[in-house]
C-alpha atoms as a PDB file:
ATOM      1  CA  MET A   1      -0.012   0.000  -0.004  1.00  0.00           C
ATOM      2  CA  ARG A   2       1.111   3.528  -0.759  1.00  0.00           C
ATOM      3  CA  GLU A   3      -0.048   6.717   0.905  1.00  0.00           C
ATOM      4  CA  ALA A   4      -0.531   9.740  -1.268  1.00  0.00           C
ATOM      5  CA  PHE A   5      -2.106  13.073  -0.428  1.00  0.00           C
ATOM      6  CA  GLY A   6      -3.863  11.512   2.560  1.00  0.00           C
ATOM      7  CA  GLU A   7      -5.322   8.545   0.788  1.00  0.00           C
ATOM      8  CA  TRP A   8      -4.186   4.934   0.395  1.00  0.00           C
ATOM      9  CA  PHE A   9      -3.608   3.071  -2.861  1.00  0.00           C
ATOM     10  CA  ASP A  10      -2.904  -0.626  -3.310  1.00  0.00           C
ATOM     11  CA  VAL A  11      -0.694   0.199  -6.318  1.00  0.00           C
ATOM     12  CA  PRO A  12       2.332  -2.040  -7.171  1.00  0.00           C
ATOM     13  CA  ALA A  13       5.751  -0.532  -7.641  1.00  0.00           C
ATOM     14  CA  GLY A  14       6.429   0.299 -11.230  1.00  0.00           C
ATOM     15  CA  TYR A  15       2.824   0.888 -12.195  1.00  0.00           C
ATOM     16  CA  LEU A  16       3.051   3.747 -14.714  1.00  0.00           C
ATOM     17  CA  ASN A  17      -0.066   3.132 -16.746  1.00  0.00           C
ATOM     18  CA  THR A  18      -2.565   5.589 -15.334  1.00  0.00           C
ATOM     19  CA  ALA A  19      -3.071   7.071 -18.810  1.00  0.00           C
ATOM     20  CA  SER A  20      -4.663   3.754 -19.669  1.00  0.00           C
ATOM     21  CA  ILE A  21      -6.462   2.878 -16.376  1.00  0.00           C
ATOM     22  CA  GLY A  22      -6.016   4.509 -12.985  1.00  0.00           C
ATOM     23  CA  ILE A  23      -5.709   2.654  -9.702  1.00  0.00           C
ATOM     24  CA  PRO A  24      -8.503   3.455  -7.269  1.00  0.00           C
ATOM     25  CA  SER A  25      -7.938   4.598  -3.740  1.00  0.00           C
ATOM     26  CA  SER A  26      -8.994   2.283  -0.941  1.00  0.00           C
ATOM     27  CA  ALA A  27     -11.993   4.536  -0.323  1.00  0.00           C
ATOM     28  CA  VAL A  28     -13.178   4.195  -3.961  1.00  0.00           C
ATOM     29  CA  ALA A  29     -12.536   0.464  -4.138  1.00  0.00           C
ATOM     30  CA  ASP A  30     -14.204  -0.204  -0.775  1.00  0.00           C
ATOM     31  CA  ALA A  31     -17.264   1.851  -1.703  1.00  0.00           C
ATOM     32  CA  VAL A  32     -17.748   0.011  -4.997  1.00  0.00           C
ATOM     33  CA  ALA A  33     -17.152  -3.354  -3.309  1.00  0.00           C
ATOM     34  CA  ALA A  34     -19.711  -2.541  -0.671  1.00  0.00           C
ATOM     35  CA  ALA A  35     -22.281  -1.657  -3.397  1.00  0.00           C
ATOM     36  CA  VAL A  36     -21.653  -4.839  -5.245  1.00  0.00           C
ATOM     37  CA  ALA A  37     -22.088  -6.799  -1.977  1.00  0.00           C
ATOM     38  CA  ASP A  38     -25.462  -5.100  -1.530  1.00  0.00           C
ATOM     39  CA  TRP A  39     -26.435  -5.919  -5.077  1.00  0.00           C
ATOM     40  CA  ARG A  40     -25.446  -9.527  -4.582  1.00  0.00           C
ATOM     41  CA  VAL A  41     -27.972  -9.963  -1.734  1.00  0.00           C
ATOM     42  CA  GLY A  42     -30.797  -7.873  -3.239  1.00  0.00           C
ATOM     43  CA  ALA A  43     -30.200  -4.839  -0.990  1.00  0.00           C
ATOM     44  CA  ALA A  44     -29.474  -2.430  -3.873  1.00  0.00           C
ATOM     45  CA  ARG A  45     -32.139   0.193  -4.589  1.00  0.00           C
ATOM     46  CA  PRO A  46     -31.762   2.058  -7.928  1.00  0.00           C
ATOM     47  CA  PRO A  47     -32.930   5.490  -6.680  1.00  0.00           C
ATOM     48  CA  ASP A  48     -30.177   5.328  -4.018  1.00  0.00           C
ATOM     49  CA  PHE A  49     -27.611   5.903  -6.765  1.00  0.00           C
ATOM     50  CA  ASP A  50     -29.044   9.271  -7.698  1.00  0.00           C
ATOM     51  CA  ARG A  51     -27.000  11.007  -4.939  1.00  0.00           C
ATOM     52  CA  HIS A  52     -23.834   9.484  -6.378  1.00  0.00           C
ATOM     53  CA  VAL A  53     -24.680  10.760  -9.850  1.00  0.00           C
ATOM     54  CA  ALA A  54     -25.184  14.252  -8.370  1.00  0.00           C
ATOM     55  CA  ALA A  55     -21.988  14.086  -6.305  1.00  0.00           C
ATOM     56  CA  ALA A  56     -19.857  12.925  -9.262  1.00  0.00           C
ATOM     57  CA  ARG A  57     -21.334  15.643 -11.449  1.00  0.00           C
ATOM     58  CA  ALA A  58     -20.520  18.274  -8.823  1.00  0.00           C
ATOM     59  CA  GLY A  59     -17.052  16.954  -8.138  1.00  0.00           C
ATOM     60  CA  TRP A  60     -16.104  16.883 -11.850  1.00  0.00           C
ATOM     61  CA  ALA A  61     -17.551  20.362 -12.353  1.00  0.00           C
ATOM     62  CA  ARG A  62     -15.303  21.766  -9.589  1.00  0.00           C
ATOM     63  CA  LEU A  63     -12.220  20.086 -11.113  1.00  0.00           C
ATOM     64  CA  VAL A  64     -12.960  21.586 -14.572  1.00  0.00           C
ATOM     65  CA  GLY A  65     -14.003  24.977 -13.243  1.00  0.00           C
ATOM     66  CA  VAL A  66     -17.650  25.067 -14.385  1.00  0.00           C
ATOM     67  CA  PRO A  67     -21.032  25.257 -12.659  1.00  0.00           C
ATOM     68  CA  ALA A  68     -22.466  21.814 -11.838  1.00  0.00           C
ATOM     69  CA  ASP A  69     -25.811  22.717 -13.471  1.00  0.00           C
ATOM     70  CA  THR A  70     -24.110  23.069 -16.872  1.00  0.00           C
ATOM     71  CA  VAL A  71     -22.852  19.496 -16.772  1.00  0.00           C
ATOM     72  CA  ALA A  72     -24.508  16.465 -18.458  1.00  0.00           C
ATOM     73  CA  SER A  73     -23.698  12.994 -17.144  1.00  0.00           C
ATOM     74  CA  GLY A  74     -22.994  10.157 -19.581  1.00  0.00           C
ATOM     75  CA  ALA A  75     -21.024   6.949 -19.949  1.00  0.00           C
ATOM     76  CA  SER A  76     -18.192   7.644 -22.405  1.00  0.00           C
ATOM     77  CA  VAL A  77     -16.370  10.524 -24.065  1.00  0.00           C
ATOM     78  CA  SER A  78     -17.285   9.510 -27.580  1.00  0.00           C
ATOM     79  CA  GLN A  79     -20.972   9.330 -26.674  1.00  0.00           C
ATOM     80  CA  LEU A  80     -20.944  12.863 -25.318  1.00  0.00           C
ATOM     81  CA  VAL A  81     -18.827  14.291 -28.208  1.00  0.00           C
ATOM     82  CA  GLY A  82     -21.298  12.563 -30.458  1.00  0.00           C
ATOM     83  CA  LEU A  83     -24.074  14.846 -29.120  1.00  0.00           C
ATOM     84  CA  VAL A  84     -22.033  17.852 -30.222  1.00  0.00           C
ATOM     85  CA  ALA A  85     -21.119  16.301 -33.586  1.00  0.00           C
ATOM     86  CA  ALA A  86     -24.666  15.346 -34.397  1.00  0.00           C
ATOM     87  CA  SER A  87     -25.889  18.817 -33.492  1.00  0.00           C
ATOM     88  CA  VAL A  88     -23.483  21.046 -35.476  1.00  0.00           C
ATOM     89  CA  PRO A  89     -24.860  22.530 -38.672  1.00  0.00           C
ATOM     90  CA  ASP A  90     -24.314  20.945 -42.059  1.00  0.00           C
ATOM     91  CA  GLY A  91     -20.967  21.885 -43.574  1.00  0.00           C
ATOM     92  CA  THR A  92     -19.289  22.654 -40.235  1.00  0.00           C
ATOM     93  CA  ARG A  93     -15.557  22.924 -40.566  1.00  0.00           C
ATOM     94  CA  VAL A  94     -13.701  21.257 -37.613  1.00  0.00           C
ATOM     95  CA  VAL A  95      -9.997  21.591 -36.975  1.00  0.00           C
ATOM     96  CA  THR A  96      -7.959  19.372 -34.629  1.00  0.00           C
ATOM     97  CA  VAL A  97      -4.361  18.373 -34.099  1.00  0.00           C
ATOM     98  CA  ALA A  98      -2.639  15.567 -35.967  1.00  0.00           C
ATOM     99  CA  ASN A  99      -3.161  12.134 -34.379  1.00  0.00           C
ATOM    100  CA  GLU A 100      -5.740  13.372 -31.928  1.00  0.00           C
ATOM    101  CA  PHE A 101      -7.453  10.608 -29.960  1.00  0.00           C
ATOM    102  CA  THR A 102     -10.298   9.163 -32.033  1.00  0.00           C
ATOM    103  CA  SER A 103     -13.042   9.690 -29.406  1.00  0.00           C
ATOM    104  CA  VAL A 104     -12.633  13.331 -30.125  1.00  0.00           C
ATOM    105  CA  THR A 105     -12.451  13.224 -33.930  1.00  0.00           C
ATOM    106  CA  PHE A 106     -14.460  10.153 -35.065  1.00  0.00           C
ATOM    107  CA  PRO A 107     -17.878  11.486 -33.961  1.00  0.00           C
ATOM    108  CA  PHE A 108     -17.310  14.507 -36.256  1.00  0.00           C
ATOM    109  CA  ALA A 109     -15.807  12.414 -39.123  1.00  0.00           C
ATOM    110  CA  ALA A 110     -18.901  10.276 -38.993  1.00  0.00           C
ATOM    111  CA  GLN A 111     -20.984  13.338 -40.049  1.00  0.00           C
ATOM    112  CA  GLU A 112     -19.232  13.478 -43.395  1.00  0.00           C
ATOM    113  CA  LYS A 113     -22.498  12.911 -45.311  1.00  0.00           C
ATOM    114  CA  ARG A 114     -23.736  16.222 -43.910  1.00  0.00           C
ATOM    115  CA  GLY A 115     -20.715  18.030 -45.198  1.00  0.00           C
ATOM    116  CA  VAL A 116     -18.924  18.178 -41.925  1.00  0.00           C
ATOM    117  CA  THR A 117     -15.157  18.173 -42.406  1.00  0.00           C
ATOM    118  CA  VAL A 118     -12.291  17.528 -39.997  1.00  0.00           C
ATOM    119  CA  ARG A 119      -8.869  18.885 -40.767  1.00  0.00           C
ATOM    120  CA  GLU A 120      -5.689  17.915 -38.846  1.00  0.00           C
ATOM    121  CA  VAL A 121      -2.903  20.433 -38.311  1.00  0.00           C
ATOM    122  CA  ALA A 122       0.352  20.480 -36.353  1.00  0.00           C
ATOM    123  CA  ALA A 123      -0.134  21.403 -32.715  1.00  0.00           C
ATOM    124  CA  GLY A 124       1.711  24.679 -33.111  1.00  0.00           C
ATOM    125  CA  GLU A 125      -0.629  25.681 -35.927  1.00  0.00           C
ATOM    126  CA  LEU A 126      -3.895  25.081 -34.147  1.00  0.00           C
ATOM    127  CA  SER A 127      -4.540  28.560 -32.930  1.00  0.00           C
ATOM    128  CA  ALA A 128      -3.911  30.092 -36.347  1.00  0.00           C
ATOM    129  CA  ALA A 129      -6.054  27.352 -38.035  1.00  0.00           C
ATOM    130  CA  ALA A 130      -8.931  28.119 -35.737  1.00  0.00           C
ATOM    131  CA  ALA A 131      -9.556  31.347 -37.609  1.00  0.00           C
ATOM    132  CA  GLY A 132     -10.547  29.382 -40.715  1.00  0.00           C
ATOM    133  CA  ALA A 133     -12.756  26.857 -38.844  1.00  0.00           C
ATOM    134  CA  ASP A 134     -16.139  26.809 -37.199  1.00  0.00           C
ATOM    135  CA  LEU A 135     -15.067  24.503 -34.332  1.00  0.00           C
ATOM    136  CA  VAL A 136     -11.870  23.423 -32.676  1.00  0.00           C
ATOM    137  CA  ALA A 137     -11.906  19.952 -31.106  1.00  0.00           C
ATOM    138  CA  VAL A 138      -8.754  18.984 -29.135  1.00  0.00           C
ATOM    139  CA  SER A 139      -7.516  17.235 -26.017  1.00  0.00           C
ATOM    140  CA  VAL A 140      -6.028  19.454 -23.345  1.00  0.00           C
ATOM    141  CA  VAL A 141      -3.375  16.735 -22.861  1.00  0.00           C
ATOM    142  CA  GLN A 142      -2.558  14.406 -25.702  1.00  0.00           C
ATOM    143  CA  SER A 143      -3.039  10.702 -24.930  1.00  0.00           C
ATOM    144  CA  ALA A 144      -0.075   9.518 -27.042  1.00  0.00           C
ATOM    145  CA  ASP A 145       2.761  11.677 -25.663  1.00  0.00           C
ATOM    146  CA  GLY A 146       1.366  13.996 -22.972  1.00  0.00           C
ATOM    147  CA  ALA A 147       1.729  17.166 -25.043  1.00  0.00           C
ATOM    148  CA  ILE A 148      -0.237  20.043 -23.385  1.00  0.00           C
ATOM    149  CA  ALA A 149      -2.349  22.131 -25.770  1.00  0.00           C
ATOM    150  CA  ASP A 150      -2.150  25.894 -25.618  1.00  0.00           C
ATOM    151  CA  VAL A 151      -5.852  26.175 -24.965  1.00  0.00           C
ATOM    152  CA  ALA A 152      -5.514  29.788 -23.711  1.00  0.00           C
ATOM    153  CA  ALA A 153      -4.661  30.765 -27.300  1.00  0.00           C
ATOM    154  CA  LEU A 154      -8.051  29.459 -28.402  1.00  0.00           C
ATOM    155  CA  ARG A 155     -10.070  31.450 -25.927  1.00  0.00           C
ATOM    156  CA  ASP A 156     -10.490  34.653 -27.852  1.00  0.00           C
ATOM    157  CA  ARG A 157     -10.360  33.310 -31.421  1.00  0.00           C
ATOM    158  CA  GLY A 158     -14.055  33.659 -32.000  1.00  0.00           C
ATOM    159  CA  THR A 159     -14.323  29.923 -32.908  1.00  0.00           C
ATOM    160  CA  ARG A 160     -16.359  27.389 -30.994  1.00  0.00           C
ATOM    161  CA  VAL A 161     -14.152  25.137 -28.805  1.00  0.00           C
ATOM    162  CA  LEU A 162     -14.602  21.553 -27.550  1.00  0.00           C
ATOM    163  CA  LEU A 163     -11.960  20.314 -25.075  1.00  0.00           C
ATOM    164  CA  ASP A 164     -11.380  16.722 -23.935  1.00  0.00           C
ATOM    165  CA  VAL A 165      -9.842  16.779 -20.397  1.00  0.00           C
ATOM    166  CA  THR A 166      -9.711  12.969 -19.894  1.00  0.00           C
ATOM    167  CA  GLN A 167      -5.896  12.927 -19.783  1.00  0.00           C
ATOM    168  CA  ALA A 168      -5.752  16.131 -17.729  1.00  0.00           C
ATOM    169  CA  VAL A 169      -8.402  16.257 -15.043  1.00  0.00           C
ATOM    170  CA  GLY A 170      -7.050  14.795 -11.760  1.00  0.00           C
ATOM    171  CA  TRP A 171      -3.452  16.063 -12.057  1.00  0.00           C
ATOM    172  CA  LEU A 172      -3.667  19.340 -14.018  1.00  0.00           C
ATOM    173  CA  PRO A 173      -5.380  22.403 -12.515  1.00  0.00           C
ATOM    174  CA  LEU A 174      -8.168  23.522 -14.937  1.00  0.00           C
ATOM    175  CA  SER A 175     -10.467  26.503 -15.317  1.00  0.00           C
ATOM    176  CA  LEU A 176     -12.371  25.996 -18.512  1.00  0.00           C
ATOM    177  CA  GLY A 177     -15.704  27.764 -18.081  1.00  0.00           C
ATOM    178  CA  TRP A 178     -14.992  29.791 -21.205  1.00  0.00           C
ATOM    179  CA  ALA A 179     -14.982  26.725 -23.555  1.00  0.00           C
ATOM    180  CA  ASP A 180     -18.210  25.893 -25.358  1.00  0.00           C
ATOM    181  CA  TRP A 181     -17.996  22.193 -24.488  1.00  0.00           C
ATOM    182  CA  VAL A 182     -15.756  20.294 -22.096  1.00  0.00           C
ATOM    183  CA  VAL A 183     -15.756  16.510 -21.926  1.00  0.00           C
ATOM    184  CA  GLY A 184     -13.991  13.934 -19.870  1.00  0.00           C
ATOM    185  CA  GLY A 185     -14.036  10.278 -18.630  1.00  0.00           C
ATOM    186  CA  SER A 186     -13.700   8.757 -15.186  1.00  0.00           C
ATOM    187  CA  TYR A 187     -11.290   5.877 -15.327  1.00  0.00           C
ATOM    188  CA  LYS A 188      -7.880   7.339 -15.942  1.00  0.00           C
ATOM    189  CA  TRP A 189      -6.451  10.138 -13.731  1.00  0.00           C
ATOM    190  CA  LEU A 190      -9.648  10.230 -11.627  1.00  0.00           C
ATOM    191  CA  ALA A 191      -9.021   6.605 -10.754  1.00  0.00           C
ATOM    192  CA  ALA A 192     -12.691   5.739 -10.789  1.00  0.00           C
ATOM    193  CA  PRO A 193     -14.424   2.809 -12.592  1.00  0.00           C
ATOM    194  CA  ARG A 194     -14.993   3.060 -16.315  1.00  0.00           C
ATOM    195  CA  GLY A 195     -18.540   3.963 -17.300  1.00  0.00           C
ATOM    196  CA  ALA A 196     -18.898   7.563 -16.170  1.00  0.00           C
ATOM    197  CA  ALA A 197     -18.259  10.640 -18.314  1.00  0.00           C
ATOM    198  CA  TRP A 198     -19.366  14.273 -18.291  1.00  0.00           C
ATOM    199  CA  LEU A 199     -20.016  17.082 -20.708  1.00  0.00           C
ATOM    200  CA  ALA A 200     -19.988  20.704 -19.643  1.00  0.00           C
ATOM    201  CA  VAL A 201     -22.071  22.988 -21.914  1.00  0.00           C
ATOM    202  CA  ARG A 202     -21.562  26.729 -21.707  1.00  0.00           C
ATOM    203  CA  PRO A 203     -24.972  28.368 -21.377  1.00  0.00           C
ATOM    204  CA  ASP A 204     -24.584  30.408 -24.612  1.00  0.00           C
ATOM    205  CA  ALA A 205     -23.241  27.504 -26.655  1.00  0.00           C
ATOM    206  CA  PRO A 206     -25.442  26.203 -29.525  1.00  0.00           C
ATOM    207  CA  GLU A 207     -28.250  23.981 -28.343  1.00  0.00           C
ATOM    208  CA  LEU A 208     -27.539  20.242 -28.508  1.00  0.00           C
ATOM    209  CA  VAL A 209     -30.071  17.747 -29.800  1.00  0.00           C
ATOM    210  CA  PRO A 210     -30.566  14.986 -27.115  1.00  0.00           C
ATOM    211  CA  GLN A 211     -29.859  12.117 -29.458  1.00  0.00           C
ATOM    212  CA  ALA A 212     -29.973   9.660 -26.536  1.00  0.00           C
ATOM    213  CA  ALA A 213     -33.093  11.074 -24.911  1.00  0.00           C
ATOM    214  CA  ASN A 214     -34.168   8.667 -22.146  1.00  0.00           C
ATOM    215  CA  TRP A 215     -36.080   8.411 -18.907  1.00  0.00           C
ATOM    216  CA  TYR A 216     -33.174   9.537 -16.726  1.00  0.00           C
ATOM    217  CA  ALA A 217     -33.023  12.883 -18.470  1.00  0.00           C
ATOM    218  CA  THR A 218     -36.511  13.843 -17.345  1.00  0.00           C
ATOM    219  CA  THR A 219     -37.249  16.312 -14.580  1.00  0.00           C
ATOM    220  CA  ASP A 220     -38.340  13.498 -12.297  1.00  0.00           C
ATOM    221  CA  PRO A 221     -36.780  10.255 -13.521  1.00  0.00           C
ATOM    222  CA  TRP A 222     -38.681   8.019 -11.151  1.00  0.00           C
ATOM    223  CA  ASP A 223     -42.151   9.437 -11.878  1.00  0.00           C
ATOM    224  CA  GLY A 224     -41.984   9.878 -15.627  1.00  0.00           C
ATOM    225  CA  VAL A 225     -40.789   6.685 -17.231  1.00  0.00           C
ATOM    226  CA  TYR A 226     -43.847   5.903 -19.319  1.00  0.00           C
ATOM    227  CA  GLY A 227     -45.655   7.578 -22.183  1.00  0.00           C
ATOM    228  CA  LEU A 228     -45.422  10.786 -24.194  1.00  0.00           C
ATOM    229  CA  PRO A 229     -45.076  13.714 -24.570  1.00  0.00           C
ATOM    230  CA  LEU A 230     -41.301  14.344 -24.454  1.00  0.00           C
ATOM    231  CA  ARG A 231     -40.512  16.005 -21.161  1.00  0.00           C
ATOM    232  CA  LEU A 232     -36.780  16.385 -20.688  1.00  0.00           C
ATOM    233  CA  ALA A 233     -35.226  18.413 -17.894  1.00  0.00           C
ATOM    234  CA  ALA A 234     -34.062  21.904 -18.749  1.00  0.00           C
ATOM    235  CA  GLY A 235     -30.411  22.636 -19.478  1.00  0.00           C
ATOM    236  CA  ALA A 236     -27.618  20.064 -19.340  1.00  0.00           C
ATOM    237  CA  ARG A 237     -29.675  17.629 -17.277  1.00  0.00           C
ATOM    238  CA  GLY A 238     -31.818  16.992 -20.343  1.00  0.00           C
ATOM    239  CA  LEU A 239     -28.761  15.441 -22.017  1.00  0.00           C
ATOM    240  CA  ASP A 240     -28.124  12.896 -19.210  1.00  0.00           C
ATOM    241  CA  LEU A 241     -27.674   9.238 -20.019  1.00  0.00           C
ATOM    242  CA  SER A 242     -29.101   6.563 -17.718  1.00  0.00           C
ATOM    243  CA  PRO A 243     -26.228   6.026 -15.303  1.00  0.00           C
ATOM    244  CA  VAL A 244     -23.873   3.145 -14.943  1.00  0.00           C
ATOM    245  CA  TRP A 245     -24.509   2.817 -11.224  1.00  0.00           C
ATOM    246  CA  PHE A 246     -21.269   1.439  -9.760  1.00  0.00           C
ATOM    247  CA  ALA A 247     -19.196   3.687 -11.998  1.00  0.00           C
ATOM    248  CA  GLN A 248     -21.074   6.744 -10.812  1.00  0.00           C
ATOM    249  CA  LEU A 249     -20.708   5.662  -7.204  1.00  0.00           C
ATOM    250  CA  GLY A 250     -16.951   5.215  -7.528  1.00  0.00           C
ATOM    251  CA  ALA A 251     -16.727   8.503  -9.414  1.00  0.00           C
ATOM    252  CA  ALA A 252     -18.601  10.336  -6.681  1.00  0.00           C
ATOM    253  CA  VAL A 253     -16.018   9.259  -4.100  1.00  0.00           C
ATOM    254  CA  ALA A 254     -13.063   9.968  -6.407  1.00  0.00           C
ATOM    255  CA  THR A 255     -14.055  13.306  -7.791  1.00  0.00           C
ATOM    256  CA  SER A 256     -15.103  14.644  -4.402  1.00  0.00           C
ATOM    257  CA  TRP A 257     -11.649  13.782  -3.088  1.00  0.00           C
ATOM    258  CA  PHE A 258      -9.708  15.105  -6.029  1.00  0.00           C
ATOM    259  CA  ALA A 259     -11.707  18.345  -6.010  1.00  0.00           C
ATOM    260  CA  GLY A 260     -10.476  18.960  -2.423  1.00  0.00           C
ATOM    261  CA  LEU A 261      -6.802  18.606  -3.263  1.00  0.00           C
ATOM    262  CA  ASP A 262      -4.212  21.257  -4.052  1.00  0.00           C
ATOM    263  CA  LEU A 263      -3.961  20.359  -7.749  1.00  0.00           C
ATOM    264  CA  ALA A 264      -0.971  22.638  -8.213  1.00  0.00           C
ATOM    265  CA  ALA A 265       0.861  20.410  -5.716  1.00  0.00           C
ATOM    266  CA  VAL A 266      -0.458  17.283  -7.480  1.00  0.00           C
ATOM    267  CA  ARG A 267       0.822  18.563 -10.814  1.00  0.00           C
ATOM    268  CA  ALA A 268       4.213  19.444  -9.270  1.00  0.00           C
ATOM    269  CA  HIS A 269       4.477  15.894  -7.991  1.00  0.00           C
ATOM    270  CA  CYS A 270       3.344  14.066 -11.106  1.00  0.00           C
ATOM    271  CA  ALA A 271       5.105  16.247 -13.670  1.00  0.00           C
ATOM    272  CA  GLY A 272       8.159  16.441 -11.476  1.00  0.00           C
ATOM    273  CA  LEU A 273       8.600  12.673 -11.571  1.00  0.00           C
ATOM    274  CA  ALA A 274       7.973  12.610 -15.335  1.00  0.00           C
ATOM    275  CA  ASP A 275      10.358  15.440 -15.967  1.00  0.00           C
ATOM    276  CA  THR A 276      13.065  13.620 -13.985  1.00  0.00           C
ATOM    277  CA  VAL A 277      12.780  10.696 -16.399  1.00  0.00           C
ATOM    278  CA  ARG A 278      12.797  13.044 -19.396  1.00  0.00           C
ATOM    279  CA  THR A 279      15.794  15.086 -18.351  1.00  0.00           C
ATOM    280  CA  ASN A 280      17.877  12.013 -17.369  1.00  0.00           C
ATOM    281  CA  LEU A 281      17.216  10.676 -20.866  1.00  0.00           C
ATOM    282  CA  GLY A 282      18.172  13.841 -22.607  1.00  0.00           C
ATOM    283  CA  GLN A 283      14.678  15.180 -23.234  1.00  0.00           C
ATOM    284  CA  PRO A 284      13.454  18.664 -22.217  1.00  0.00           C
ATOM    285  CA  ALA A 285      11.244  19.025 -19.176  1.00  0.00           C
ATOM    286  CA  LEU A 286       7.588  19.528 -20.328  1.00  0.00           C
ATOM    287  CA  GLY A 287       5.613  19.806 -17.165  1.00  0.00           C
ATOM    288  CA  SER A 288       3.435  16.909 -18.237  1.00  0.00           C
ATOM    289  CA  ALA A 289       2.662  13.756 -16.289  1.00  0.00           C
ATOM    290  CA  ILE A 290       3.007  11.588 -19.440  1.00  0.00           C
ATOM    291  CA  VAL A 291       6.312  10.498 -20.880  1.00  0.00           C
ATOM    292  CA  SER A 292       6.797   9.046 -24.408  1.00  0.00           C
ATOM    293  CA  LEU A 293       9.975   7.083 -24.998  1.00  0.00           C
ATOM    294  CA  ASP A 294      11.475   5.590 -28.144  1.00  0.00           C
ATOM    295  CA  LEU A 295      13.029   2.411 -26.744  1.00  0.00           C
ATOM    296  CA  THR A 296      14.999  -0.332 -28.384  1.00  0.00           C
ATOM    297  CA  PRO A 297      13.567  -3.867 -28.023  1.00  0.00           C
ATOM    298  CA  ASP A 298      16.238  -4.654 -25.466  1.00  0.00           C
ATOM    299  CA  GLN A 299      15.387  -1.550 -23.392  1.00  0.00           C
ATOM    300  CA  ALA A 300      11.658  -2.373 -23.570  1.00  0.00           C
ATOM    301  CA  LYS A 301      12.375  -5.883 -22.373  1.00  0.00           C
ATOM    302  CA  ARG A 302      14.482  -4.656 -19.477  1.00  0.00           C
ATOM    303  CA  LEU A 303      11.683  -2.231 -18.511  1.00  0.00           C
ATOM    304  CA  ALA A 304       9.152  -5.035 -18.401  1.00  0.00           C
ATOM    305  CA  ASP A 305      11.550  -7.330 -16.531  1.00  0.00           C
ATOM    306  CA  ALA A 306      11.885  -4.535 -13.952  1.00  0.00           C
ATOM    307  CA  GLY A 307       8.171  -4.677 -13.310  1.00  0.00           C
ATOM    308  CA  VAL A 308       7.361  -1.387 -14.988  1.00  0.00           C
ATOM    309  CA  VAL A 309       3.883  -1.302 -16.456  1.00  0.00           C
ATOM    310  CA  GLY A 310       3.262   1.129 -19.288  1.00  0.00           C
ATOM    311  CA  SER A 311       1.597   1.120 -22.716  1.00  0.00           C
ATOM    312  CA  LEU A 312       2.622   1.155 -26.346  1.00  0.00           C
ATOM    313  CA  ARG A 313       1.138   4.247 -28.062  1.00  0.00           C
ATOM    314  CA  ALA A 314       1.942   5.543 -31.540  1.00  0.00           C
ATOM    315  CA  GLY A 315       4.944   3.182 -31.743  1.00  0.00           C
ATOM    316  CA  ARG A 316       6.532   4.503 -28.510  1.00  0.00           C
ATOM    317  CA  THR A 317       6.487   3.419 -24.891  1.00  0.00           C
ATOM    318  CA  ARG A 318       4.129   5.612 -22.898  1.00  0.00           C
ATOM    319  CA  LEU A 319       4.684   6.000 -19.079  1.00  0.00           C
ATOM    320  CA  SER A 320       2.349   8.042 -16.882  1.00  0.00           C
ATOM    321  CA  PHE A 321       3.014   9.312 -13.379  1.00  0.00           C
ATOM    322  CA  HIS A 322       0.189   9.943 -10.912  1.00  0.00           C
ATOM    323  CA  LEU A 323       0.056  11.105  -7.347  1.00  0.00           C
ATOM    324  CA  TYR A 324       0.563   7.513  -6.044  1.00  0.00           C
ATOM    325  CA  ASN A 325       3.875   7.193  -7.945  1.00  0.00           C
ATOM    326  CA  THR A 326       7.223   7.791  -6.187  1.00  0.00           C
ATOM    327  CA  GLU A 327      10.928   8.317  -6.902  1.00  0.00           C
ATOM    328  CA  ASP A 328      11.270   4.497  -6.717  1.00  0.00           C
ATOM    329  CA  ASP A 329       9.209   4.279  -9.951  1.00  0.00           C
ATOM    330  CA  VAL A 330      11.543   6.763 -11.579  1.00  0.00           C
ATOM    331  CA  GLU A 331      14.607   4.782 -10.526  1.00  0.00           C
ATOM    332  CA  ARG A 332      13.118   1.595 -11.904  1.00  0.00           C
ATOM    333  CA  VAL A 333      12.690   3.209 -15.277  1.00  0.00           C
ATOM    334  CA  LEU A 334      16.106   4.812 -15.430  1.00  0.00           C
ATOM    335  CA  ASP A 335      17.901   1.726 -14.159  1.00  0.00           C
ATOM    336  CA  ALA A 336      16.132  -0.351 -16.842  1.00  0.00           C
ATOM    337  CA  VAL A 337      16.714   1.926 -19.871  1.00  0.00           C
ATOM    338  CA  THR A 338      20.089   3.440 -19.119  1.00  0.00           C
ATOM    339  CA  THR A 339      23.559   2.125 -18.334  1.00  0.00           C
ATOM    340  CA  ARG A 340      24.076   4.143 -15.181  1.00  0.00           C
ATOM    341  CA  SER A 341      27.012   3.283 -12.965  1.00  0.00           C
END
């Protein structure tokens, strides 16, 4: 067990794969386990999960820097981006960065028959390219290599902006109330179960069509599950998806805890460990919690033999440092991939 920022994590030494799947705190894991135990013996009551949906929504909103009543609750990033993509006008011109994660780009590319186009540009060209586009869709932190987008440069461009914070929220301080749409998932840096996601909608953003309109998006979900007419809740709540209960419960515990942390200190810890690896391997410090390494087959084998768990992304080894990682994890990496005396 490792203690980090006042919480305990049963994370093994060398686990550097949070960018794929985060390790839950004991509090999160215990809460989910208790809920499964209740379900197993018929003690679960569906309405009891509503408070967890609300708590997870509020916690994520605090982490992103938006009002909770502007946040819709869903199950995956692509599902929520899809609401935006299906609602933009015919012929919308979307710009993104090259090799952006497909959950951000595919929902727009799937609208090709309506004349929606998606253009990829180099990261350094994104702000300038925004002037010739109707919408910018980009991750705040890139999944493949941890590159941090200059989102501040997009703020006053006069172009609609959609930001994916999945690889950022939980370690990077954020204040994104200015963006038209902000979307993120639960199971990476928030270390919650997979199956919860959120979409913040700025009040003056174009109205979204509730493509997945359902009983849970009504004003009173438990008293309006049958019959017409359509009666969705006002605002972002009218975009809600019926919740994945255990994911929302775990997310409620996780987001509430993360929202109470000093995220500047969390970033300093996570990015500090990652930058130590980078600088020792001749790379510049980037201030990102994700490291991308071009390793030889022998180096990759030594890394695996040392018990380091990472991922292969875009042909490179991706390592990701979270608040439960320590200098020991850094030493494992450097000992494995260098010939230090």
